[in-house]
Every structure is written in C-alpha cells, then in structure tokens.
C-alpha atoms as a PDB file:
ATOM      1  CA  MET A   1      -0.026   0.003   0.017  1.00  0.00           C
ATOM      2  CA  VAL A   2       1.345   3.406  -1.043  1.00  0.00           C
ATOM      3  CA  LEU A   3       0.862   6.196   1.487  1.00  0.00           C
ATOM      4  CA  MET A   4       0.127   9.652   0.062  1.00  0.00           C
ATOM      5  CA  ASP A   5       0.793  13.047   1.532  1.00  0.00           C
ATOM      6  CA  ALA A   6      -2.227  15.263   2.315  1.00  0.00           C
ATOM      7  CA  SER A   7      -1.949  17.342  -0.789  1.00  0.00           C
ATOM      8  CA  SER A   8      -1.606  14.223  -3.021  1.00  0.00           C
ATOM      9  CA  LEU A   9      -4.580  12.686  -1.427  1.00  0.00           C
ATOM     10  CA  VAL A  10      -6.794  15.757  -1.839  1.00  0.00           C
ATOM     11  CA  GLU A  11      -5.725  16.038  -5.471  1.00  0.00           C
ATOM     12  CA  SER A  12      -6.498  12.294  -5.998  1.00  0.00           C
ATOM     13  CA  TYR A  13      -9.914  12.637  -4.361  1.00  0.00           C
ATOM     14  CA  GLY A  14     -10.692  15.646  -6.469  1.00  0.00           C
ATOM     15  CA  LEU A  15      -9.829  13.760  -9.694  1.00  0.00           C
ATOM     16  CA  ILE A  16     -12.168  10.982  -8.588  1.00  0.00           C
ATOM     17  CA  VAL A  17     -14.927  13.355  -7.573  1.00  0.00           C
ATOM     18  CA  LYS A  18     -14.736  15.080 -11.036  1.00  0.00           C
ATOM     19  CA  LYS A  19     -14.735  11.645 -12.790  1.00  0.00           C
ATOM     20  CA  VAL A  20     -17.787  10.437 -10.955  1.00  0.00           C
ATOM     21  CA  LEU A  21     -19.728  13.632 -11.311  1.00  0.00           C
ATOM     22  CA  SER A  22     -18.851  13.739 -15.014  1.00  0.00           C
ATOM     23  CA  SER A  23     -20.363  10.209 -15.463  1.00  0.00           C
ATOM     24  CA  TYR A  24     -23.766  11.231 -14.196  1.00  0.00           C
ATOM     25  CA  PRO A  25     -26.347  10.798 -16.953  1.00  0.00           C
ATOM     26  CA  HIS A  26     -27.202  14.003 -18.912  1.00  0.00           C
ATOM     27  CA  GLU A  27     -30.730  12.918 -19.777  1.00  0.00           C
ATOM     28  CA  SER A  28     -33.446  13.549 -17.221  1.00  0.00           C
ATOM     29  CA  SER A  29     -37.117  14.267 -17.063  1.00  0.00           C
ATOM     30  CA  LEU A  30     -36.216  17.922 -16.359  1.00  0.00           C
ATOM     31  CA  SER A  31     -33.984  18.127 -19.575  1.00  0.00           C
ATOM     32  CA  ARG A  32     -36.806  16.715 -21.688  1.00  0.00           C
ATOM     33  CA  GLN A  33     -39.383  19.231 -20.338  1.00  0.00           C
ATOM     34  CA  ALA A  34     -37.257  22.431 -20.172  1.00  0.00           C
ATOM     35  CA  GLU A  35     -37.331  25.058 -22.868  1.00  0.00           C
ATOM     36  CA  GLU A  36     -33.639  25.747 -22.218  1.00  0.00           C
ATOM     37  CA  PHE A  37     -31.483  23.303 -20.220  1.00  0.00           C
ATOM     38  CA  GLU A  38     -27.930  23.116 -19.342  1.00  0.00           C
ATOM     39  CA  ARG A  39     -26.094  20.704 -16.938  1.00  0.00           C
ATOM     40  CA  GLN A  40     -23.054  22.392 -15.453  1.00  0.00           C
ATOM     41  CA  LEU A  41     -20.057  20.676 -13.601  1.00  0.00           C
ATOM     42  CA  ILE A  42     -18.470  23.450 -11.541  1.00  0.00           C
ATOM     43  CA  CYS A  43     -15.036  22.586 -10.078  1.00  0.00           C
ATOM     44  CA  ASP A  44     -12.968  24.870  -7.839  1.00  0.00           C
ATOM     45  CA  ASP A  45      -9.761  22.852  -7.508  1.00  0.00           C
ATOM     46  CA  ALA A  46      -8.063  25.467  -5.417  1.00  0.00           C
ATOM     47  CA  ALA A  47     -10.684  25.558  -2.730  1.00  0.00           C
ATOM     48  CA  HIS A  48     -11.970  21.860  -3.400  1.00  0.00           C
ATOM     49  CA  HIS A  49     -15.576  22.600  -4.103  1.00  0.00           C
ATOM     50  CA  TYR A  50     -17.518  20.491  -6.626  1.00  0.00           C
ATOM     51  CA  LEU A  51     -21.067  21.053  -7.888  1.00  0.00           C
ATOM     52  CA  LEU A  52     -23.246  19.527 -10.613  1.00  0.00           C
ATOM     53  CA  LEU A  53     -26.292  21.509 -11.317  1.00  0.00           C
ATOM     54  CA  ASP A  54     -29.036  21.954 -13.931  1.00  0.00           C
ATOM     55  CA  VAL A  55     -30.027  25.521 -15.078  1.00  0.00           C
ATOM     56  CA  GLY A  56     -32.515  26.681 -17.628  1.00  0.00           C
ATOM     57  CA  TRP A  57     -36.086  27.652 -18.202  1.00  0.00           C
ATOM     58  CA  GLN A  58     -39.213  25.678 -17.759  1.00  0.00           C
ATOM     59  CA  GLN A  59     -42.793  26.904 -18.331  1.00  0.00           C
ATOM     60  CA  GLY A  60     -41.473  30.541 -18.386  1.00  0.00           C
ATOM     61  CA  LYS A  61     -39.640  30.266 -15.033  1.00  0.00           C
ATOM     62  CA  ARG A  62     -35.987  30.126 -14.360  1.00  0.00           C
ATOM     63  CA  PHE A  63     -34.588  27.169 -12.447  1.00  0.00           C
ATOM     64  CA  ALA A  64     -31.264  26.261 -10.931  1.00  0.00           C
ATOM     65  CA  SER A  65     -31.221  22.875  -9.326  1.00  0.00           C
ATOM     66  CA  ILE A  66     -28.203  21.384  -7.450  1.00  0.00           C
ATOM     67  CA  ILE A  67     -27.794  17.684  -8.216  1.00  0.00           C
ATOM     68  CA  PHE A  68     -24.586  17.140  -6.145  1.00  0.00           C
ATOM     69  CA  HIS A  69     -22.465  19.352  -3.990  1.00  0.00           C
ATOM     70  CA  LEU A  70     -19.168  17.932  -2.587  1.00  0.00           C
ATOM     71  CA  ASP A  71     -16.198  19.576  -0.806  1.00  0.00           C
ATOM     72  CA  ILE A  72     -12.862  18.182   0.198  1.00  0.00           C
ATOM     73  CA  LYS A  73     -11.761  19.374   3.645  1.00  0.00           C
ATOM     74  CA  ASP A  74      -8.532  18.093   5.278  1.00  0.00           C
ATOM     75  CA  GLY A  75      -8.471  14.937   3.154  1.00  0.00           C
ATOM     76  CA  ILE A  76     -12.171  14.150   3.791  1.00  0.00           C
ATOM     77  CA  VAL A  77     -14.839  14.300   1.062  1.00  0.00           C
ATOM     78  CA  TRP A  78     -17.932  16.054   2.427  1.00  0.00           C
ATOM     79  CA  VAL A  79     -21.111  15.064   0.467  1.00  0.00           C
ATOM     80  CA  GLN A  80     -22.943  18.243   1.126  1.00  0.00           C
ATOM     81  CA  GLN A  81     -25.888  17.404  -1.090  1.00  0.00           C
ATOM     82  CA  ASP A  82     -27.045  14.383  -3.125  1.00  0.00           C
ATOM     83  CA  ASN A  83     -30.546  14.929  -4.678  1.00  0.00           C
ATOM     84  CA  THR A  84     -30.630  11.589  -6.428  1.00  0.00           C
ATOM     85  CA  ASP A  85     -30.976   7.838  -5.934  1.00  0.00           C
ATOM     86  CA  TRP A  86     -27.927   7.324  -8.167  1.00  0.00           C
ATOM     87  CA  GLN A  87     -25.715   5.806  -5.426  1.00  0.00           C
ATOM     88  CA  LEU A  88     -23.131   8.518  -5.485  1.00  0.00           C
ATOM     89  CA  VAL A  89     -21.290   7.235  -2.363  1.00  0.00           C
ATOM     90  CA  LYS A  90     -21.069   3.718  -3.662  1.00  0.00           C
ATOM     91  CA  ARG A  91     -19.566   5.067  -6.915  1.00  0.00           C
ATOM     92  CA  LEU A  92     -17.036   7.108  -4.940  1.00  0.00           C
ATOM     93  CA  ILE A  93     -16.014   3.996  -3.030  1.00  0.00           C
ATOM     94  CA  LEU A  94     -15.689   1.925  -6.184  1.00  0.00           C
ATOM     95  CA  GLU A  95     -13.418   4.548  -7.567  1.00  0.00           C
ATOM     96  CA  GLY A  96     -11.153   4.502  -4.578  1.00  0.00           C
ATOM     97  CA  ILE A  97     -12.365   6.842  -1.851  1.00  0.00           C
ATOM     98  CA  PRO A  98     -12.883   4.780   1.309  1.00  0.00           C
ATOM     99  CA  LEU A  99     -16.099   5.445   3.278  1.00  0.00           C
ATOM    100  CA  LYS A 100     -13.903   6.355   6.309  1.00  0.00           C
ATOM    101  CA  ASP A 101     -12.783   9.398   4.242  1.00  0.00           C
ATOM    102  CA  MET A 102     -16.323  10.676   3.531  1.00  0.00           C
ATOM    103  CA  VAL A 103     -18.859  12.558   5.553  1.00  0.00           C
ATOM    104  CA  LEU A 104     -22.574  12.486   4.492  1.00  0.00           C
ATOM    105  CA  ALA A 105     -23.058  16.081   5.490  1.00  0.00           C
ATOM    106  CA  PHE A 106     -26.669  16.154   4.211  1.00  0.00           C
ATOM    107  CA  HIS A 107     -27.523  14.129   7.358  1.00  0.00           C
ATOM    108  CA  SER A 108     -27.502  15.833  10.766  1.00  0.00           C
ATOM    109  CA  PRO A 109     -24.341  15.335  12.767  1.00  0.00           C
ATOM    110  CA  SER A 110     -26.206  13.240  15.313  1.00  0.00           C
ATOM    111  CA  MET A 111     -27.512  10.840  12.696  1.00  0.00           C
ATOM    112  CA  ARG A 112     -24.291  10.273  10.722  1.00  0.00           C
ATOM    113  CA  GLN A 113     -23.146   7.494  13.128  1.00  0.00           C
ATOM    114  CA  TYR A 114     -26.240   5.440  12.117  1.00  0.00           C
ATOM    115  CA  ILE A 115     -25.700   5.734   8.331  1.00  0.00           C
ATOM    116  CA  ASP A 116     -25.525   2.431   6.476  1.00  0.00           C
ATOM    117  CA  GLU A 117     -22.162   1.781   4.881  1.00  0.00           C
ATOM    118  CA  LEU A 118     -23.541   2.320   1.301  1.00  0.00           C
ATOM    119  CA  SER A 119     -26.064   5.075   1.856  1.00  0.00           C
END
C-alpha cells in the first residue's frame, strides 16, 4: 500500500470526484421538459468545491437545481448534497475513496453515526 501526503490525497480525491460527477447521466425528465436546459459541472480545484447542477427555463420560469455538492476538507470528502438515488457514495467508493474518508453532510451530525455503509 502506497501512502500519500495530504496534498496528493486531496488531488487524487478531487480527480475521482470530477470523474464520478462527469459520469452522471445527462438525460433527465427535467432536460426533456425544459425550454432551455444546461447541466453544469463546476469545479474549484483550489478551494476543493465541486457542484453538478441543472440550469434553464421551464414553463416561463428560471430554475437552478443542485444535483450534487461535494467539498474536500482536510482529506475528507464532504457530500453536502445528493438529490438523487444514483448511489453517489457507492460510486465514489468503487473509484477509490474509502467510506472512512467521507462525511454524508446532508445528514445531521447526530444521525451520521447510524448511516448504512452504502447510503
């Protein structure tokens, strides 16, 4: 097993997060119904913030909808928001980020200890 320094670990996790978010399917019910639709992957590699969101117009109204929001803090991937049933955490694990290096921040701190391994 190769040990990585903290900056290499954060860089590696950032690459994995971008790879997994980039693989999220583009087609959705929202994209089919919207007058204008754009899926945006926003990556701030310097501050380690990653967002996947949909923006556009639907029935004359503007929408901006966060699909995923992840941050990397001190070598830990914080899943701030996951508005899908796509099994994001499982995909991150399969790509090499261990569950012990993730926080499911969309759950309250008091509930995180009870989260099933592949939530």
